[in-house]
Amino acid sequence: MSSRAKEYPPPGHLIRRLDISLVPDQHDTSVMYTSMPLTPQLFVGGRFRLAAVAIMVDMAAGSMAVRSVTPDWTATFDMASHRIGEAEPNTKADGVTRLVRAGKNIVVSETTVTVHGAPIVYAETTFSRLPHREGTPASVPVDTPRYLGAGEEPIPAPLADVIGFGRVREGQIGFELTDLIRNSTGSVQGGVSGVAMEEAALSLEGAGTALEFLHVYYLAASKGGPYRATAQALRHTNHGVTGRVELKDLHNDRMLCQGTFLSS
């Protein structure tokens, strides 16, 4: 099979349908630029979904990390996303990802996302460095621009509906693995895992309409499913809810992700 046939993301993938673009700095290999439209489908209660923007950040940070360690590979270890501003629907989010450290075992980056020049999200991402293995799907080419939305239909409905989230009970949602959301190894794409955890947090009674902060640790991968994200409130204040959230594969009760959130 050719590397092109295994290229990630494939046509029709959610990342392509979100119209995410990646443009590496041609003079500084430690900088990656990215963008995506903030369509109404990425908003809940009038505010943009923090984890939807984190999908773009994960893609940009991952691409730059691979650029830094080639021919080795990387896997997301954790991502902390902070809402630091607001945006209106039908605007464009622009991100700048900068390498903080590319070490023997980890790669750390920071990303600032703006709309019309005003910051809306700040994120820090850590990747584990993995030795190159034969047969690994081709990484996103990180030395030339990629405009992934070319020829793709945008998502036609709210992001949660397109992914296929279903509410199980208060603070808990379930979904299945589909080609729309697979990563390059066949598991759930890291940013989508964050969206699932965000959805569980937002389904808590009194959890508010948006997340102000989401910190996700990526503990394991799984190509099975079904999956369930569960959120638990740890503290209620006049400003929102602080809580714990996790993502599991129900087939083997395997913990895939764990994190914390702050909603308002």
Protein backbone atom coordinates (compact mmCIF):
# COMPACT_ATOMS: atom_id res chain seq x y z
CA MET A 1 0.00 0.00 0.00
CA SER A 2 1.38 3.43 -0.91
CA SER A 3 1.98 6.13 1.69
CA ARG A 4 -0.54 8.27 -0.18
CA ALA A 5 -3.22 5.61 0.31
CA LYS A 6 -2.51 5.64 4.03
CA GLU A 7 -2.27 9.41 4.29
CA TYR A 8 -4.02 11.00 7.24
CA PRO A 9 -6.59 12.45 7.42
CA PRO A 10 -8.42 10.64 4.59
CA PRO A 11 -11.12 12.29 2.46
CA GLY A 12 -14.35 12.84 4.35
CA HIS A 13 -12.65 12.89 7.74
CA LEU A 14 -13.98 15.34 10.34
CA ILE A 15 -10.73 17.33 10.30
CA ARG A 16 -11.17 17.92 6.59
CA ARG A 17 -14.84 18.80 6.96
CA LEU A 18 -13.96 21.33 9.65
CA ASP A 19 -11.79 23.01 6.98
CA ILE A 20 -8.63 22.98 9.09
CA SER A 21 -5.56 24.42 7.38
CA LEU A 22 -1.91 23.91 8.36
CA VAL A 23 0.85 26.24 7.20
CA PRO A 24 4.38 25.70 8.53
CA ASP A 25 6.63 28.72 8.87
CA GLN A 26 9.10 28.50 5.99
CA HIS A 27 11.93 30.06 7.98
CA ASP A 28 11.35 28.73 11.50
CA THR A 29 10.69 25.01 11.93
CA SER A 30 9.45 25.63 15.48
CA VAL A 31 6.36 27.57 14.32
CA MET A 32 3.14 26.29 12.74
CA TYR A 33 0.17 28.41 11.62
CA THR A 34 -3.34 27.03 11.43
CA SER A 35 -6.89 28.19 10.83
CA MET A 36 -10.49 27.01 10.73
CA PRO A 37 -13.87 28.70 10.30
CA LEU A 38 -15.98 28.97 13.42
CA THR A 39 -19.26 27.93 11.85
CA PRO A 40 -22.53 27.99 13.82
CA GLN A 41 -22.26 24.19 14.13
CA LEU A 42 -19.33 24.69 16.52
CA PHE A 43 -21.32 26.80 18.99
CA VAL A 44 -23.48 25.81 21.98
CA GLY A 45 -25.67 28.32 23.76
CA GLY A 46 -24.17 31.15 21.73
CA ARG A 47 -20.54 30.38 22.67
CA PHE A 48 -17.93 28.45 20.70
CA ARG A 49 -17.03 24.96 21.86
CA LEU A 50 -13.61 25.05 23.51
CA ALA A 51 -12.89 21.45 22.52
CA ALA A 52 -13.80 22.13 18.89
CA VAL A 53 -10.99 24.67 18.73
CA ALA A 54 -8.81 22.11 20.52
CA ILE A 55 -9.26 19.75 17.53
CA MET A 56 -7.46 22.35 15.42
CA VAL A 57 -4.82 22.88 18.10
CA ASP A 58 -4.20 19.13 18.40
CA MET A 59 -3.73 18.83 14.65
CA ALA A 60 -1.36 21.80 14.46
CA ALA A 61 0.65 20.87 17.54
CA GLY A 62 0.89 17.26 16.40
CA SER A 63 2.04 18.24 12.93
CA MET A 64 4.69 20.55 14.32
CA ALA A 65 5.79 17.90 16.82
CA VAL A 66 6.28 15.40 13.99
CA ARG A 67 8.19 18.06 12.09
CA SER A 68 10.50 18.39 15.08
CA VAL A 69 11.23 14.66 15.60
CA THR A 70 11.06 13.15 12.09
CA PRO A 71 11.53 10.28 11.36
CA ASP A 72 10.16 9.47 14.82
CA TRP A 73 6.46 9.67 15.60
CA THR A 74 4.51 11.32 18.43
CA ALA A 75 1.43 10.59 20.52
CA THR A 76 -0.51 13.19 22.48
CA PHE A 77 0.15 12.92 26.23
CA ASP A 78 -1.91 15.86 27.48
CA MET A 79 -3.54 19.11 26.41
CA ALA A 80 -4.69 22.03 28.57
CA SER A 81 -7.03 24.49 26.82
CA HIS A 82 -8.04 27.85 28.30
CA ARG A 83 -10.82 30.11 27.02
CA ILE A 84 -9.43 33.64 27.13
CA GLY A 85 -11.90 35.39 24.83
CA GLU A 86 -15.08 35.05 22.83
CA ALA A 87 -15.99 34.91 19.14
CA GLU A 88 -19.02 35.22 16.92
CA PRO A 89 -20.24 32.53 14.52
CA ASN A 90 -18.99 32.71 10.93
CA THR A 91 -15.62 34.15 11.92
CA LYS A 92 -12.21 32.54 11.39
CA ALA A 93 -9.95 31.20 14.13
CA ASP A 94 -6.22 31.63 13.48
CA GLY A 95 -3.68 29.73 15.54
CA VAL A 96 0.06 30.07 16.06
CA THR A 97 1.75 27.02 17.56
CA ARG A 98 5.28 27.40 18.90
CA LEU A 99 7.66 24.69 19.98
CA VAL A 100 8.66 24.95 23.64
CA ARG A 101 10.89 21.89 23.84
CA ALA A 102 11.71 18.86 21.68
CA GLY A 103 13.46 16.45 24.03
CA LYS A 104 14.45 12.82 23.93
CA ASN A 105 11.14 11.65 25.37
CA ILE A 106 8.67 14.54 25.13
CA VAL A 107 7.72 17.41 22.85
CA VAL A 108 5.98 20.46 24.35
CA SER A 109 4.26 23.27 22.46
CA GLU A 110 2.02 26.25 23.14
CA THR A 111 -0.72 27.63 20.91
CA THR A 112 -2.52 30.95 20.89
CA VAL A 113 -5.74 31.17 18.87
CA THR A 114 -7.15 34.52 17.80
CA VAL A 115 -10.16 35.91 15.94
CA HIS A 116 -9.63 39.25 14.20
CA GLY A 117 -6.38 39.49 16.17
CA ALA A 118 -8.03 39.09 19.60
CA PRO A 119 -6.99 36.01 21.63
CA ILE A 120 -9.75 33.48 22.35
CA VAL A 121 -7.87 30.28 23.34
CA TYR A 122 -4.50 29.47 24.84
CA ALA A 123 -3.39 25.83 24.91
CA GLU A 124 -0.36 23.83 26.03
CA THR A 125 0.22 20.37 24.55
CA THR A 126 2.67 17.61 25.47
CA PHE A 127 3.53 14.70 23.16
CA SER A 128 5.38 11.49 23.88
CA ARG A 129 8.14 10.80 21.38
CA LEU A 130 7.84 7.35 19.76
CA PRO A 131 10.50 5.56 17.68
CA HIS A 132 9.68 5.23 14.01
CA ARG A 133 8.18 1.89 12.98
CA GLU A 134 7.73 0.45 9.52
CA GLY A 135 4.14 0.57 8.33
CA THR A 136 3.18 3.61 10.37
CA PRO A 137 0.67 5.70 8.37
CA ALA A 138 2.17 8.76 6.71
CA SER A 139 2.13 11.83 8.92
CA VAL A 140 0.68 15.11 7.75
CA PRO A 141 3.36 16.68 5.54
CA VAL A 142 4.70 19.36 7.83
CA ASP A 143 7.00 21.19 5.44
CA THR A 144 4.36 22.41 2.97
CA PRO A 145 0.94 24.04 3.52
CA ARG A 146 -2.12 21.80 3.67
CA TYR A 147 -5.62 23.15 3.11
CA LEU A 148 -7.63 20.14 4.24
CA GLY A 149 -11.08 21.52 3.46
CA ALA A 150 -10.58 21.62 -0.30
CA GLY A 151 -13.39 19.71 -1.99
CA GLU A 152 -15.03 18.72 1.30
CA GLU A 153 -18.60 19.36 2.43
CA PRO A 154 -18.80 21.22 5.76
CA ILE A 155 -20.57 19.50 8.62
CA PRO A 156 -24.34 20.06 8.20
CA ALA A 157 -25.42 19.92 11.85
CA PRO A 158 -24.16 20.66 15.38
CA LEU A 159 -20.80 18.98 16.01
CA ALA A 160 -22.17 16.68 18.74
CA ASP A 161 -24.86 15.37 16.38
CA VAL A 162 -22.43 14.80 13.52
CA ILE A 163 -20.07 12.79 15.73
CA GLY A 164 -23.05 10.83 17.05
CA PHE A 165 -23.06 11.58 20.77
CA GLY A 166 -26.03 10.22 22.67
CA ARG A 167 -26.95 11.25 26.20
CA VAL A 168 -27.00 8.27 28.58
CA ARG A 169 -27.87 10.25 31.69
CA GLU A 170 -26.90 13.51 33.37
CA GLY A 171 -23.14 13.92 33.00
CA GLN A 172 -22.69 10.93 30.71
CA ILE A 173 -22.69 10.49 26.92
CA GLY A 174 -21.94 7.59 24.61
CA PHE A 175 -20.76 7.19 21.02
CA GLU A 176 -19.30 4.73 18.51
CA LEU A 177 -16.04 4.79 16.57
CA THR A 178 -16.51 5.69 12.89
CA ASP A 179 -14.21 6.58 10.02
CA LEU A 180 -15.22 10.20 10.53
CA ILE A 181 -13.30 10.44 13.82
CA ARG A 182 -10.47 7.89 13.61
CA ASN A 183 -6.88 9.00 14.07
CA SER A 184 -3.93 7.78 12.01
CA THR A 185 -3.68 4.55 14.04
CA GLY A 186 -7.41 3.77 13.88
CA SER A 187 -8.39 4.95 17.36
CA VAL A 188 -10.44 8.01 18.37
CA GLN A 189 -8.81 11.25 17.24
CA GLY A 190 -7.42 13.13 20.24
CA GLY A 191 -9.37 16.32 19.70
CA VAL A 192 -12.61 14.35 19.33
CA SER A 193 -11.92 12.65 22.67
CA GLY A 194 -11.81 16.15 24.14
CA VAL A 195 -15.13 17.04 22.50
CA ALA A 196 -16.70 13.91 24.03
CA MET A 197 -15.45 14.88 27.47
CA GLU A 198 -16.67 18.45 26.94
CA GLU A 199 -20.11 17.13 25.96
CA ALA A 200 -20.29 15.03 29.13
CA ALA A 201 -19.34 18.05 31.25
CA LEU A 202 -21.95 20.23 29.57
CA SER A 203 -24.64 17.60 30.16
CA LEU A 204 -24.25 17.96 33.93
CA GLU A 205 -27.14 19.72 35.60
CA GLY A 206 -26.16 23.32 36.18
CA ALA A 207 -22.86 22.95 34.34
CA GLY A 208 -23.48 26.01 32.17
CA THR A 209 -23.26 26.56 28.44
CA ALA A 210 -19.51 26.47 27.84
CA LEU A 211 -16.20 25.26 29.19
CA GLU A 212 -13.70 27.84 30.35
CA PHE A 213 -10.93 25.25 30.84
CA LEU A 214 -10.34 21.64 29.82
CA HIS A 215 -7.25 19.58 30.69
CA VAL A 216 -7.11 16.10 29.14
CA TYR A 217 -4.59 13.33 29.81
CA TYR A 218 -4.41 10.70 27.07
CA LEU A 219 -3.83 7.38 28.81
CA ALA A 220 -4.50 4.70 26.20
CA ALA A 221 -5.76 4.10 22.68
CA SER A 222 -8.62 1.86 21.61
CA LYS A 223 -9.99 0.76 18.24
CA GLY A 224 -13.07 -0.89 19.73
CA GLY A 225 -15.91 0.79 21.55
CA PRO A 226 -18.59 1.67 22.29
CA TYR A 227 -17.24 4.62 24.25
CA ARG A 228 -18.63 6.50 27.21
CA ALA A 229 -17.59 9.88 28.61
CA THR A 230 -18.58 10.64 32.19
CA ALA A 231 -18.32 13.94 34.07
CA GLN A 232 -18.54 14.47 37.82
CA ALA A 233 -18.94 17.82 39.55
CA LEU A 234 -16.35 18.39 42.28
CA ARG A 235 -17.30 21.93 43.22
CA HIS A 236 -20.17 24.32 42.47
CA THR A 237 -19.68 28.07 42.72
CA ASN A 238 -21.58 31.15 41.61
CA HIS A 239 -19.30 31.23 38.57
CA GLY A 240 -19.67 27.63 37.41
CA VAL A 241 -18.67 24.03 38.03
CA THR A 242 -15.25 22.48 38.53
CA GLY A 243 -15.22 18.79 37.79
CA ARG A 244 -13.53 15.57 36.75
CA VAL A 245 -14.21 13.85 33.45
CA GLU A 246 -13.13 10.56 31.86
CA LEU A 247 -13.49 8.58 28.64
CA LYS A 248 -13.71 4.77 28.63
CA ASP A 249 -14.01 1.94 26.13
CA LEU A 250 -16.97 -0.06 27.46
CA HIS A 251 -15.91 -3.22 25.64
CA ASN A 252 -12.98 -3.78 28.00
CA ASP A 253 -13.61 -1.06 30.62
CA ARG A 254 -10.36 0.58 29.56
CA MET A 255 -9.67 4.16 30.64
CA LEU A 256 -8.66 6.14 27.55
CA CYS A 257 -8.62 9.72 28.87
CA GLN A 258 -9.00 11.51 32.17
CA GLY A 259 -9.12 15.20 32.92
CA THR A 260 -10.56 18.22 34.67
CA PHE A 261 -12.80 21.04 33.52
CA LEU A 262 -14.26 24.37 34.55
CA SER A 263 -17.61 25.39 33.11
CA SER A 264 -19.61 28.60 33.33
